[in-house]
Amino acid sequence: MSVPTAHRRFMVWAGTGVFDALHREVLDRLEAAGELNWNVAILNAASLRATEGAR
């Protein structure tokens, strides 16, 4: 898949609420299982330096 295609699909999905719906579904399932704990937060991020000429 090309970068423009991936970006276009991401923008369409974001605009139609796909990611918000997925997030809500995960929260609902955690709540139903008694596993939702708002006192705990976990952050995960990756940071990479772009190579010269990379997009």
PDB file of N, CA and C in Angstrom:
ATOM      1  N   MET A   1       0.848  -1.161   0.000  1.00  0.00           N
ATOM      2  CA  MET A   1       0.000   0.000   0.000  1.00  0.00           C
ATOM      3  C   MET A   1       0.899   1.232   0.000  1.00  0.00           C
ATOM      4  N   SER A   2       0.573   2.192  -0.826  1.00  0.00           N
ATOM      5  CA  SER A   2       1.367   3.412  -0.901  1.00  0.00           C
ATOM      6  C   SER A   2       1.040   4.339   0.269  1.00  0.00           C
ATOM      7  N   VAL A   3       1.952   5.262   0.536  1.00  0.00           N
ATOM      8  CA  VAL A   3       1.734   6.242   1.605  1.00  0.00           C
ATOM      9  C   VAL A   3       0.488   7.084   1.329  1.00  0.00           C
ATOM     10  N   PRO A   4       0.294   7.596   0.114  1.00  0.00           N
ATOM     11  CA  PRO A   4      -0.922   8.379  -0.127  1.00  0.00           C
ATOM     12  C   PRO A   4      -2.212   7.575   0.091  1.00  0.00           C
ATOM     13  N   THR A   5      -2.209   6.303  -0.305  1.00  0.00           N
ATOM     14  CA  THR A   5      -3.394   5.461  -0.106  1.00  0.00           C
ATOM     15  C   THR A   5      -3.648   5.250   1.378  1.00  0.00           C
ATOM     16  N   ALA A   6      -2.593   4.945   2.129  1.00  0.00           N
ATOM     17  CA  ALA A   6      -2.743   4.740   3.573  1.00  0.00           C
ATOM     18  C   ALA A   6      -3.258   6.005   4.243  1.00  0.00           C
ATOM     19  N   HIS A   7      -2.717   7.151   3.865  1.00  0.00           N
ATOM     20  CA  HIS A   7      -3.150   8.419   4.452  1.00  0.00           C
ATOM     21  C   HIS A   7      -4.603   8.711   4.105  1.00  0.00           C
ATOM     22  N   ARG A   8      -4.957   8.502   2.867  1.00  0.00           N
ATOM     23  CA  ARG A   8      -6.338   8.752   2.440  1.00  0.00           C
ATOM     24  C   ARG A   8      -7.315   7.874   3.214  1.00  0.00           C
ATOM     25  N   ARG A   9      -6.992   6.597   3.350  1.00  0.00           N
ATOM     26  CA  ARG A   9      -7.876   5.688   4.093  1.00  0.00           C
ATOM     27  C   ARG A   9      -7.956   6.073   5.562  1.00  0.00           C
ATOM     28  N   PHE A  10      -6.808   6.438   6.143  1.00  0.00           N
ATOM     29  CA  PHE A  10      -6.811   6.881   7.537  1.00  0.00           C
ATOM     30  C   PHE A  10      -7.730   8.085   7.709  1.00  0.00           C
ATOM     31  N   MET A  11      -7.623   9.051   6.823  1.00  0.00           N
ATOM     32  CA  MET A  11      -8.444  10.260   6.930  1.00  0.00           C
ATOM     33  C   MET A  11      -9.930   9.939   6.785  1.00  0.00           C
ATOM     34  N   VAL A  12     -10.277   9.043   5.870  1.00  0.00           N
ATOM     35  CA  VAL A  12     -11.679   8.647   5.702  1.00  0.00           C
ATOM     36  C   VAL A  12     -12.178   7.963   6.967  1.00  0.00           C
ATOM     37  N   TRP A  13     -11.410   7.015   7.480  1.00  0.00           N
ATOM     38  CA  TRP A  13     -11.826   6.284   8.687  1.00  0.00           C
ATOM     39  C   TRP A  13     -11.942   7.225   9.877  1.00  0.00           C
ATOM     40  N   ALA A  14     -10.982   8.129  10.024  1.00  0.00           N
ATOM     41  CA  ALA A  14     -11.035   9.084  11.132  1.00  0.00           C
ATOM     42  C   ALA A  14     -12.267   9.978  10.995  1.00  0.00           C
ATOM     43  N   GLY A  15     -12.547  10.398   9.789  1.00  0.00           N
ATOM     44  CA  GLY A  15     -13.691  11.273   9.550  1.00  0.00           C
ATOM     45  C   GLY A  15     -15.035  10.609   9.751  1.00  0.00           C
ATOM     46  N   THR A  16     -15.091   9.299   9.566  1.00  0.00           N
ATOM     47  CA  THR A  16     -16.363   8.587   9.729  1.00  0.00           C
ATOM     48  C   THR A  16     -16.534   8.011  11.130  1.00  0.00           C
ATOM     49  N   GLY A  17     -15.550   8.254  12.015  1.00  0.00           N
ATOM     50  CA  GLY A  17     -15.684   7.834  13.399  1.00  0.00           C
ATOM     51  C   GLY A  17     -15.259   6.411  13.699  1.00  0.00           C
ATOM     52  N   VAL A  18     -14.538   5.774  12.783  1.00  0.00           N
ATOM     53  CA  VAL A  18     -14.108   4.387  12.998  1.00  0.00           C
ATOM     54  C   VAL A  18     -13.253   4.266  14.261  1.00  0.00           C
ATOM     55  N   PHE A  19     -12.284   5.155  14.432  1.00  0.00           N
ATOM     56  CA  PHE A  19     -11.380   5.045  15.574  1.00  0.00           C
ATOM     57  C   PHE A  19     -12.087   5.371  16.888  1.00  0.00           C
ATOM     58  N   ASP A  20     -12.995   6.333  16.866  1.00  0.00           N
ATOM     59  CA  ASP A  20     -13.785   6.636  18.064  1.00  0.00           C
ATOM     60  C   ASP A  20     -14.654   5.440  18.450  1.00  0.00           C
ATOM     61  N   ALA A  21     -15.244   4.783  17.463  1.00  0.00           N
ATOM     62  CA  ALA A  21     -16.085   3.609  17.734  1.00  0.00           C
ATOM     63  C   ALA A  21     -15.253   2.459  18.295  1.00  0.00           C
ATOM     64  N   LEU A  22     -14.060   2.244  17.751  1.00  0.00           N
ATOM     65  CA  LEU A  22     -13.176   1.195  18.272  1.00  0.00           C
ATOM     66  C   LEU A  22     -12.777   1.488  19.718  1.00  0.00           C
ATOM     67  N   HIS A  23     -12.448   2.739  19.985  1.00  0.00           N
ATOM     68  CA  HIS A  23     -12.073   3.136  21.339  1.00  0.00           C
ATOM     69  C   HIS A  23     -13.233   2.902  22.308  1.00  0.00           C
ATOM     70  N   ARG A  24     -14.427   3.294  21.911  1.00  0.00           N
ATOM     71  CA  ARG A  24     -15.615   3.101  22.749  1.00  0.00           C
ATOM     72  C   ARG A  24     -15.860   1.615  22.998  1.00  0.00           C
ATOM     73  N   GLU A  25     -15.682   0.786  21.974  1.00  0.00           N
ATOM     74  CA  GLU A  25     -15.879  -0.659  22.113  1.00  0.00           C
ATOM     75  C   GLU A  25     -14.890  -1.257  23.112  1.00  0.00           C
ATOM     76  N   VAL A  26     -13.640  -0.842  23.036  1.00  0.00           N
ATOM     77  CA  VAL A  26     -12.637  -1.332  23.987  1.00  0.00           C
ATOM     78  C   VAL A  26     -13.013  -0.923  25.408  1.00  0.00           C
ATOM     79  N   LEU A  27     -13.407   0.334  25.595  1.00  0.00           N
ATOM     80  CA  LEU A  27     -13.810   0.793  26.925  1.00  0.00           C
ATOM     81  C   LEU A  27     -15.024   0.030  27.434  1.00  0.00           C
ATOM     82  N   ASP A  28     -16.000  -0.202  26.568  1.00  0.00           N
ATOM     83  CA  ASP A  28     -17.203  -0.946  26.971  1.00  0.00           C
ATOM     84  C   ASP A  28     -16.859  -2.367  27.399  1.00  0.00           C
ATOM     85  N   ARG A  29     -15.974  -3.020  26.655  1.00  0.00           N
ATOM     86  CA  ARG A  29     -15.591  -4.399  26.999  1.00  0.00           C
ATOM     87  C   ARG A  29     -14.802  -4.450  28.305  1.00  0.00           C
ATOM     88  N   LEU A  30     -13.910  -3.492  28.499  1.00  0.00           N
ATOM     89  CA  LEU A  30     -13.173  -3.435  29.761  1.00  0.00           C
ATOM     90  C   LEU A  30     -14.118  -3.198  30.931  1.00  0.00           C
ATOM     91  N   GLU A  31     -15.063  -2.298  30.762  1.00  0.00           N
ATOM     92  CA  GLU A  31     -16.048  -2.011  31.811  1.00  0.00           C
ATOM     93  C   GLU A  31     -16.872  -3.253  32.129  1.00  0.00           C
ATOM     94  N   ALA A  32     -17.336  -3.949  31.107  1.00  0.00           N
ATOM     95  CA  ALA A  32     -18.154  -5.153  31.302  1.00  0.00           C
ATOM     96  C   ALA A  32     -17.374  -6.247  32.033  1.00  0.00           C
ATOM     97  N   ALA A  33     -16.068  -6.300  31.809  1.00  0.00           N
ATOM     98  CA  ALA A  33     -15.229  -7.311  32.454  1.00  0.00           C
ATOM     99  C   ALA A  33     -14.731  -6.859  33.828  1.00  0.00           C
ATOM    100  N   GLY A  34     -15.098  -5.642  34.229  1.00  0.00           N
ATOM    101  CA  GLY A  34     -14.637  -5.116  35.507  1.00  0.00           C
ATOM    102  C   GLY A  34     -13.170  -4.753  35.512  1.00  0.00           C
ATOM    103  N   GLU A  35     -12.626  -4.495  34.334  1.00  0.00           N
ATOM    104  CA  GLU A  35     -11.191  -4.221  34.199  1.00  0.00           C
ATOM    105  C   GLU A  35     -10.868  -2.753  33.928  1.00  0.00           C
ATOM    106  N   LEU A  36     -11.887  -1.914  33.841  1.00  0.00           N
ATOM    107  CA  LEU A  36     -11.648  -0.502  33.545  1.00  0.00           C
ATOM    108  C   LEU A  36     -11.248   0.211  34.828  1.00  0.00           C
ATOM    109  N   ASN A  37     -10.064   0.794  34.837  1.00  0.00           N
ATOM    110  CA  ASN A  37      -9.544   1.467  36.020  1.00  0.00           C
ATOM    111  C   ASN A  37      -9.001   2.824  35.593  1.00  0.00           C
ATOM    112  N   TRP A  38      -9.728   3.890  35.913  1.00  0.00           N
ATOM    113  CA  TRP A  38      -9.326   5.231  35.503  1.00  0.00           C
ATOM    114  C   TRP A  38      -8.187   5.782  36.358  1.00  0.00           C
ATOM    115  N   ASN A  39      -7.742   5.027  37.363  1.00  0.00           N
ATOM    116  CA  ASN A  39      -6.626   5.460  38.198  1.00  0.00           C
ATOM    117  C   ASN A  39      -5.280   5.045  37.619  1.00  0.00           C
ATOM    118  N   VAL A  40      -5.293   4.286  36.537  1.00  0.00           N
ATOM    119  CA  VAL A  40      -4.067   3.801  35.917  1.00  0.00           C
ATOM    120  C   VAL A  40      -4.009   4.313  34.485  1.00  0.00           C
ATOM    121  N   ALA A  41      -2.854   4.814  34.095  1.00  0.00           N
ATOM    122  CA  ALA A  41      -2.673   5.269  32.716  1.00  0.00           C
ATOM    123  C   ALA A  41      -1.349   4.724  32.194  1.00  0.00           C
ATOM    124  N   ILE A  42      -1.363   4.243  30.981  1.00  0.00           N
ATOM    125  CA  ILE A  42      -0.153   3.738  30.343  1.00  0.00           C
ATOM    126  C   ILE A  42       0.008   4.473  29.019  1.00  0.00           C
ATOM    127  N   LEU A  43       1.167   5.043  28.809  1.00  0.00           N
ATOM    128  CA  LEU A  43       1.459   5.743  27.562  1.00  0.00           C
ATOM    129  C   LEU A  43       2.500   4.947  26.800  1.00  0.00           C
ATOM    130  N   ASN A  44       2.327   4.868  25.504  1.00  0.00           N
ATOM    131  CA  ASN A  44       3.256   4.136  24.663  1.00  0.00           C
ATOM    132  C   ASN A  44       3.487   4.967  23.412  1.00  0.00           C
ATOM    133  N   ALA A  45       4.726   5.245  23.122  1.00  0.00           N
ATOM    134  CA  ALA A  45       5.026   6.039  21.937  1.00  0.00           C
ATOM    135  C   ALA A  45       6.371   5.602  21.368  1.00  0.00           C
ATOM    136  N   ALA A  46       6.502   5.755  20.077  1.00  0.00           N
ATOM    137  CA  ALA A  46       7.768   5.476  19.415  1.00  0.00           C
ATOM    138  C   ALA A  46       8.209   6.745  18.699  1.00  0.00           C
ATOM    139  N   SER A  47       9.470   7.015  18.739  1.00  0.00           N
ATOM    140  CA  SER A  47      10.006   8.191  18.073  1.00  0.00           C
ATOM    141  C   SER A  47      11.234   7.766  17.284  1.00  0.00           C
ATOM    142  N   LEU A  48      11.201   8.001  15.996  1.00  0.00           N
ATOM    143  CA  LEU A  48      12.319   7.638  15.127  1.00  0.00           C
ATOM    144  C   LEU A  48      12.735   8.843  14.308  1.00  0.00           C
ATOM    145  N   ARG A  49      14.015   8.976  14.119  1.00  0.00           N
ATOM    146  CA  ARG A  49      14.519  10.052  13.279  1.00  0.00           C
ATOM    147  C   ARG A  49      14.330   9.651  11.815  1.00  0.00           C
ATOM    148  N   ALA A  50      13.774  10.535  11.025  1.00  0.00           N
ATOM    149  CA  ALA A  50      13.572  10.260   9.604  1.00  0.00           C
ATOM    150  C   ALA A  50      14.918  10.294   8.885  1.00  0.00           C
ATOM    151  N   THR A  51      15.101   9.350   7.975  1.00  0.00           N
ATOM    152  CA  THR A  51      16.322   9.359   7.177  1.00  0.00           C
ATOM    153  C   THR A  51      16.195  10.426   6.101  1.00  0.00           C
ATOM    154  N   GLU A  52      17.305  10.862   5.591  1.00  0.00           N
ATOM    155  CA  GLU A  52      17.294  11.918   4.586  1.00  0.00           C
ATOM    156  C   GLU A  52      16.465  11.499   3.376  1.00  0.00           C
ATOM    157  N   GLY A  53      15.550  12.348   2.991  1.00  0.00           N
ATOM    158  CA  GLY A  53      14.699  12.072   1.843  1.00  0.00           C
ATOM    159  C   GLY A  53      13.490  11.217   2.167  1.00  0.00           C
ATOM    160  N   ALA A  54      13.352  10.794   3.414  1.00  0.00           N
ATOM    161  CA  ALA A  54      12.192   9.970   3.791  1.00  0.00           C
ATOM    162  C   ALA A  54      10.946  10.831   3.855  1.00  0.00           C
ATOM    163  N   ARG A  55       9.821  10.180   3.671  1.00  0.00           N
ATOM    164  CA  ARG A  55       8.550  10.905   3.739  1.00  0.00           C
ATOM    165  C   ARG A  55       7.872  10.591   5.028  1.00  0.00           C
TER     166      ARG A  55
END
